[in-house]
Amino acid sequence: MQHKGQILEKAVRESGIPLTKITKRINKSRRWIYNAFENPNLSIDYIIEIGEIIHYDFSDALIELKKFNSSSLKKAGLLNEEYPEYWKNKYLDLLEKYNEILERKLV
């Protein structure tokens, strides 16, 4: 089993970004990040959040993220230039339908 905290620590240390800066961005204490480094079952959410801060992609380092890396999403047809636009349009369509329903209920 992978020790997520150690993987995180290695990436953070190699990034050269000060721990203080990282902890301020995620609104945690320095003690919290040291505890995170010791935690073998650290939440993937925190790892991804810190990865964004230090500009590090953990999908190659963590087994749990390998299945969600961009190449597998591209193969599945879920990641291309039109993908965000598709979801935006879908959201707007649903929002319009919701508003229509509300208008009918209020009349």
N, C-alpha and C. Protein backbone atom coordinates (compact mmCIF):
# COMPACT_ATOMS: atom_id res chain seq x y z
N MET A 1 0.84 -1.19 0.00
CA MET A 1 0.00 0.00 0.00
C MET A 1 0.88 1.24 0.00
N GLN A 2 0.48 2.21 -0.79
CA GLN A 2 1.25 3.44 -0.89
C GLN A 2 1.04 4.32 0.34
N HIS A 3 2.10 4.97 0.76
CA HIS A 3 2.02 5.92 1.86
C HIS A 3 1.82 7.30 1.24
N LYS A 4 0.57 7.75 1.21
CA LYS A 4 0.22 8.99 0.52
C LYS A 4 0.91 10.20 1.12
N GLY A 5 1.07 10.21 2.44
CA GLY A 5 1.73 11.33 3.09
C GLY A 5 3.17 11.48 2.66
N GLN A 6 3.87 10.36 2.54
CA GLN A 6 5.27 10.41 2.10
C GLN A 6 5.38 10.87 0.66
N ILE A 7 4.46 10.42 -0.18
CA ILE A 7 4.46 10.85 -1.58
C ILE A 7 4.22 12.35 -1.66
N LEU A 8 3.27 12.84 -0.86
CA LEU A 8 3.00 14.27 -0.81
C LEU A 8 4.22 15.04 -0.33
N GLU A 9 4.83 14.56 0.75
CA GLU A 9 5.99 15.26 1.30
C GLU A 9 7.11 15.37 0.28
N LYS A 10 7.39 14.30 -0.42
CA LYS A 10 8.46 14.31 -1.42
C LYS A 10 8.19 15.35 -2.49
N ALA A 11 6.95 15.40 -2.97
CA ALA A 11 6.60 16.37 -4.02
C ALA A 11 6.68 17.80 -3.49
N VAL A 12 6.21 18.01 -2.27
CA VAL A 12 6.23 19.36 -1.68
C VAL A 12 7.67 19.82 -1.48
N ARG A 13 8.50 18.95 -0.94
CA ARG A 13 9.90 19.32 -0.71
C ARG A 13 10.62 19.63 -2.03
N GLU A 14 10.36 18.83 -3.06
CA GLU A 14 11.01 19.04 -4.35
C GLU A 14 10.51 20.30 -5.05
N SER A 15 9.31 20.74 -4.71
CA SER A 15 8.75 21.93 -5.36
C SER A 15 9.49 23.20 -4.95
N GLY A 16 10.03 23.20 -3.74
CA GLY A 16 10.72 24.39 -3.25
C GLY A 16 9.79 25.47 -2.72
N ILE A 17 8.49 25.23 -2.78
CA ILE A 17 7.53 26.20 -2.27
C ILE A 17 7.48 26.07 -0.74
N PRO A 18 7.60 27.18 -0.03
CA PRO A 18 7.61 27.11 1.44
C PRO A 18 6.31 26.52 2.01
N LEU A 19 6.47 25.73 3.06
CA LEU A 19 5.31 25.11 3.70
C LEU A 19 4.32 26.16 4.19
N THR A 20 4.83 27.28 4.66
CA THR A 20 3.96 28.35 5.15
C THR A 20 3.03 28.84 4.05
N LYS A 21 3.56 28.99 2.86
CA LYS A 21 2.75 29.45 1.74
C LYS A 21 1.66 28.43 1.40
N ILE A 22 2.02 27.16 1.41
CA ILE A 22 1.06 26.10 1.10
C ILE A 22 -0.03 26.05 2.16
N THR A 23 0.36 26.07 3.42
CA THR A 23 -0.63 25.97 4.49
C THR A 23 -1.58 27.17 4.51
N LYS A 24 -1.08 28.33 4.17
CA LYS A 24 -1.97 29.50 4.10
C LYS A 24 -2.98 29.35 2.99
N ARG A 25 -2.54 28.81 1.84
CA ARG A 25 -3.45 28.64 0.70
C ARG A 25 -4.56 27.63 0.98
N ILE A 26 -4.27 26.61 1.79
CA ILE A 26 -5.30 25.61 2.09
C ILE A 26 -5.95 25.86 3.45
N ASN A 27 -5.56 26.96 4.08
CA ASN A 27 -6.14 27.37 5.37
C ASN A 27 -5.94 26.30 6.45
N LYS A 28 -4.72 25.81 6.55
CA LYS A 28 -4.35 24.82 7.57
C LYS A 28 -3.08 25.31 8.27
N SER A 29 -2.76 24.66 9.38
CA SER A 29 -1.56 25.03 10.15
C SER A 29 -0.35 24.24 9.64
N ARG A 30 0.83 24.71 10.05
CA ARG A 30 2.05 23.95 9.72
C ARG A 30 2.00 22.58 10.39
N ARG A 31 1.47 22.52 11.59
CA ARG A 31 1.33 21.24 12.29
C ARG A 31 0.49 20.27 11.47
N TRP A 32 -0.58 20.80 10.85
CA TRP A 32 -1.45 19.96 10.03
C TRP A 32 -0.68 19.32 8.89
N ILE A 33 0.17 20.12 8.22
CA ILE A 33 0.88 19.56 7.06
C ILE A 33 1.92 18.53 7.50
N TYR A 34 2.55 18.75 8.65
CA TYR A 34 3.48 17.74 9.15
C TYR A 34 2.74 16.45 9.49
N ASN A 35 1.55 16.57 10.07
CA ASN A 35 0.73 15.39 10.34
C ASN A 35 0.30 14.72 9.04
N ALA A 36 0.01 15.52 8.02
CA ALA A 36 -0.37 14.96 6.72
C ALA A 36 0.77 14.13 6.13
N PHE A 37 1.99 14.61 6.30
CA PHE A 37 3.14 13.86 5.80
C PHE A 37 3.27 12.50 6.48
N GLU A 38 2.80 12.40 7.71
CA GLU A 38 2.86 11.15 8.47
C GLU A 38 1.68 10.23 8.20
N ASN A 39 0.65 10.73 7.53
CA ASN A 39 -0.59 9.99 7.33
C ASN A 39 -0.54 9.13 6.06
N PRO A 40 -0.54 7.80 6.21
CA PRO A 40 -0.49 6.94 5.02
C PRO A 40 -1.80 6.94 4.24
N ASN A 41 -2.89 7.37 4.86
CA ASN A 41 -4.21 7.37 4.22
C ASN A 41 -4.74 8.78 4.01
N LEU A 42 -3.87 9.70 3.72
CA LEU A 42 -4.25 11.09 3.52
C LEU A 42 -5.30 11.20 2.41
N SER A 43 -6.26 12.08 2.61
CA SER A 43 -7.34 12.27 1.65
C SER A 43 -6.81 12.71 0.29
N ILE A 44 -7.33 12.08 -0.74
CA ILE A 44 -6.96 12.43 -2.11
C ILE A 44 -7.30 13.89 -2.41
N ASP A 45 -8.37 14.38 -1.81
CA ASP A 45 -8.78 15.77 -2.03
C ASP A 45 -7.68 16.74 -1.62
N TYR A 46 -7.06 16.49 -0.47
CA TYR A 46 -5.97 17.36 -0.01
C TYR A 46 -4.76 17.22 -0.92
N ILE A 47 -4.49 16.01 -1.35
CA ILE A 47 -3.33 15.79 -2.23
C ILE A 47 -3.51 16.55 -3.54
N ILE A 48 -4.70 16.47 -4.10
CA ILE A 48 -4.96 17.18 -5.36
C ILE A 48 -4.89 18.69 -5.15
N GLU A 49 -5.46 19.17 -4.04
CA GLU A 49 -5.44 20.61 -3.74
C GLU A 49 -4.01 21.11 -3.60
N ILE A 50 -3.19 20.39 -2.88
CA ILE A 50 -1.80 20.79 -2.71
C ILE A 50 -1.05 20.66 -4.03
N GLY A 51 -1.37 19.63 -4.80
CA GLY A 51 -0.76 19.45 -6.12
C GLY A 51 -1.00 20.64 -7.02
N GLU A 52 -2.20 21.23 -6.95
CA GLU A 52 -2.49 22.41 -7.75
C GLU A 52 -1.64 23.60 -7.29
N ILE A 53 -1.41 23.70 -6.01
CA ILE A 53 -0.61 24.81 -5.47
C ILE A 53 0.84 24.69 -5.90
N ILE A 54 1.37 23.47 -5.84
CA ILE A 54 2.79 23.26 -6.16
C ILE A 54 3.00 22.90 -7.63
N HIS A 55 1.92 22.89 -8.40
CA HIS A 55 1.97 22.56 -9.82
C HIS A 55 2.56 21.16 -10.05
N TYR A 56 1.98 20.20 -9.36
CA TYR A 56 2.44 18.81 -9.46
C TYR A 56 1.26 17.89 -9.72
N ASP A 57 1.41 17.03 -10.70
CA ASP A 57 0.36 16.08 -11.05
C ASP A 57 0.66 14.75 -10.37
N PHE A 58 -0.16 14.39 -9.40
CA PHE A 58 0.05 13.16 -8.64
C PHE A 58 -0.50 11.92 -9.34
N SER A 59 -1.07 12.07 -10.52
CA SER A 59 -1.70 10.92 -11.18
C SER A 59 -0.68 9.85 -11.55
N ASP A 60 0.58 10.21 -11.74
CA ASP A 60 1.59 9.20 -12.02
C ASP A 60 2.12 8.55 -10.74
N ALA A 61 2.02 9.25 -9.63
CA ALA A 61 2.58 8.75 -8.38
C ALA A 61 1.59 7.92 -7.56
N LEU A 62 0.31 8.20 -7.69
CA LEU A 62 -0.69 7.52 -6.87
C LEU A 62 -1.56 6.60 -7.71
N ILE A 63 -1.66 5.36 -7.28
CA ILE A 63 -2.44 4.36 -7.99
C ILE A 63 -3.89 4.81 -8.15
N GLU A 64 -4.46 5.40 -7.11
CA GLU A 64 -5.86 5.81 -7.14
C GLU A 64 -6.15 6.86 -8.20
N LEU A 65 -5.14 7.65 -8.54
CA LEU A 65 -5.34 8.71 -9.52
C LEU A 65 -4.98 8.28 -10.93
N LYS A 66 -4.26 7.18 -11.08
CA LYS A 66 -3.85 6.74 -12.41
C LYS A 66 -5.04 6.49 -13.31
N LYS A 67 -6.11 5.95 -12.74
CA LYS A 67 -7.27 5.65 -13.57
C LYS A 67 -7.99 6.90 -14.01
N PHE A 68 -7.66 8.05 -13.41
CA PHE A 68 -8.32 9.30 -13.77
C PHE A 68 -7.41 10.28 -14.48
N ASN A 69 -6.25 9.81 -14.95
CA ASN A 69 -5.36 10.76 -15.59
C ASN A 69 -5.92 11.19 -16.95
N SER A 70 -5.39 12.23 -17.49
CA SER A 70 -5.97 12.85 -18.68
C SER A 70 -5.97 11.92 -19.88
N SER A 71 -4.97 11.06 -20.02
CA SER A 71 -4.96 10.18 -21.19
C SER A 71 -6.11 9.19 -21.15
N SER A 72 -6.44 8.66 -19.99
CA SER A 72 -7.56 7.73 -19.91
C SER A 72 -8.88 8.46 -20.13
N LEU A 73 -8.97 9.72 -19.69
CA LEU A 73 -10.18 10.50 -19.94
C LEU A 73 -10.33 10.81 -21.43
N LYS A 74 -9.21 11.08 -22.10
CA LYS A 74 -9.26 11.33 -23.54
C LYS A 74 -9.73 10.09 -24.28
N LYS A 75 -9.21 8.93 -23.88
CA LYS A 75 -9.60 7.68 -24.53
C LYS A 75 -11.10 7.43 -24.35
N ALA A 76 -11.63 7.81 -23.21
CA ALA A 76 -13.04 7.60 -22.93
C ALA A 76 -13.91 8.68 -23.60
N GLY A 77 -13.27 9.64 -24.24
CA GLY A 77 -14.02 10.70 -24.90
C GLY A 77 -14.54 11.75 -23.94
N LEU A 78 -14.00 11.80 -22.74
CA LEU A 78 -14.49 12.73 -21.74
C LEU A 78 -13.64 13.97 -21.60
N LEU A 79 -12.54 14.02 -22.33
CA LEU A 79 -11.67 15.18 -22.21
C LEU A 79 -11.26 15.64 -23.60
N ASN A 80 -11.84 16.71 -24.03
CA ASN A 80 -11.45 17.35 -25.27
C ASN A 80 -11.85 18.82 -25.18
N GLU A 81 -11.64 19.54 -26.26
CA GLU A 81 -11.90 20.98 -26.21
C GLU A 81 -13.38 21.28 -25.99
N GLU A 82 -14.26 20.38 -26.45
CA GLU A 82 -15.69 20.63 -26.36
C GLU A 82 -16.29 20.19 -25.03
N TYR A 83 -15.58 19.43 -24.25
CA TYR A 83 -16.12 18.86 -23.02
C TYR A 83 -16.65 19.90 -22.04
N PRO A 84 -15.89 20.93 -21.67
CA PRO A 84 -16.43 21.94 -20.75
C PRO A 84 -17.64 22.66 -21.34
N GLU A 85 -17.61 22.93 -22.63
CA GLU A 85 -18.72 23.61 -23.29
C GLU A 85 -19.98 22.74 -23.24
N TYR A 86 -19.82 21.45 -23.40
CA TYR A 86 -20.95 20.52 -23.34
C TYR A 86 -21.65 20.62 -22.00
N TRP A 87 -20.87 20.59 -20.90
CA TRP A 87 -21.47 20.63 -19.56
C TRP A 87 -22.06 22.00 -19.25
N LYS A 88 -21.45 23.05 -19.76
CA LYS A 88 -22.00 24.38 -19.55
C LYS A 88 -23.37 24.48 -20.22
N ASN A 89 -23.45 24.00 -21.46
CA ASN A 89 -24.73 24.06 -22.18
C ASN A 89 -25.78 23.17 -21.51
N LYS A 90 -25.36 22.02 -21.05
CA LYS A 90 -26.29 21.12 -20.36
C LYS A 90 -26.82 21.80 -19.09
N TYR A 91 -25.96 22.45 -18.35
CA TYR A 91 -26.36 23.17 -17.14
C TYR A 91 -27.35 24.28 -17.47
N LEU A 92 -27.06 25.05 -18.51
CA LEU A 92 -27.94 26.15 -18.88
C LEU A 92 -29.32 25.64 -19.31
N ASP A 93 -29.35 24.54 -20.05
CA ASP A 93 -30.63 23.94 -20.45
C ASP A 93 -31.44 23.52 -19.23
N LEU A 94 -30.79 22.86 -18.30
CA LEU A 94 -31.48 22.43 -17.08
C LEU A 94 -31.97 23.62 -16.26
N LEU A 95 -31.17 24.66 -16.21
CA LEU A 95 -31.55 25.87 -15.48
C LEU A 95 -32.80 26.52 -16.10
N GLU A 96 -32.84 26.54 -17.42
CA GLU A 96 -34.02 27.09 -18.09
C GLU A 96 -35.26 26.26 -17.80
N LYS A 97 -35.14 24.95 -17.82
CA LYS A 97 -36.27 24.07 -17.52
C LYS A 97 -36.74 24.27 -16.08
N TYR A 98 -35.79 24.40 -15.19
CA TYR A 98 -36.11 24.63 -13.78
C TYR A 98 -36.88 25.94 -13.60
N ASN A 99 -36.41 26.97 -14.27
CA ASN A 99 -37.09 28.28 -14.18
C ASN A 99 -38.50 28.20 -14.74
N GLU A 100 -38.69 27.46 -15.83
CA GLU A 100 -40.03 27.28 -16.39
C GLU A 100 -40.96 26.60 -15.39
N ILE A 101 -40.46 25.59 -14.73
CA ILE A 101 -41.25 24.87 -13.73
C ILE A 101 -41.63 25.80 -12.58
N LEU A 102 -40.68 26.59 -12.13
CA LEU A 102 -40.94 27.55 -11.05
C LEU A 102 -42.01 28.56 -11.47
N GLU A 103 -41.92 29.06 -12.68
CA GLU A 103 -42.89 30.03 -13.16
C GLU A 103 -44.29 29.41 -13.18
N ARG A 104 -44.43 28.16 -13.62
CA ARG A 104 -45.73 27.49 -13.66
C ARG A 104 -46.29 27.30 -12.25
N LYS A 105 -45.42 27.02 -11.31
CA LYS A 105 -45.86 26.79 -9.92
C LYS A 105 -46.33 28.09 -9.27
N LEU A 106 -45.70 29.20 -9.65
CA LEU A 106 -46.03 30.48 -9.03
C LEU A 106 -47.26 31.12 -9.62
N VAL A 107 -47.71 30.70 -10.76
CA VAL A 107 -48.88 31.30 -11.42
C VAL A 107 -50.16 30.74 -10.90
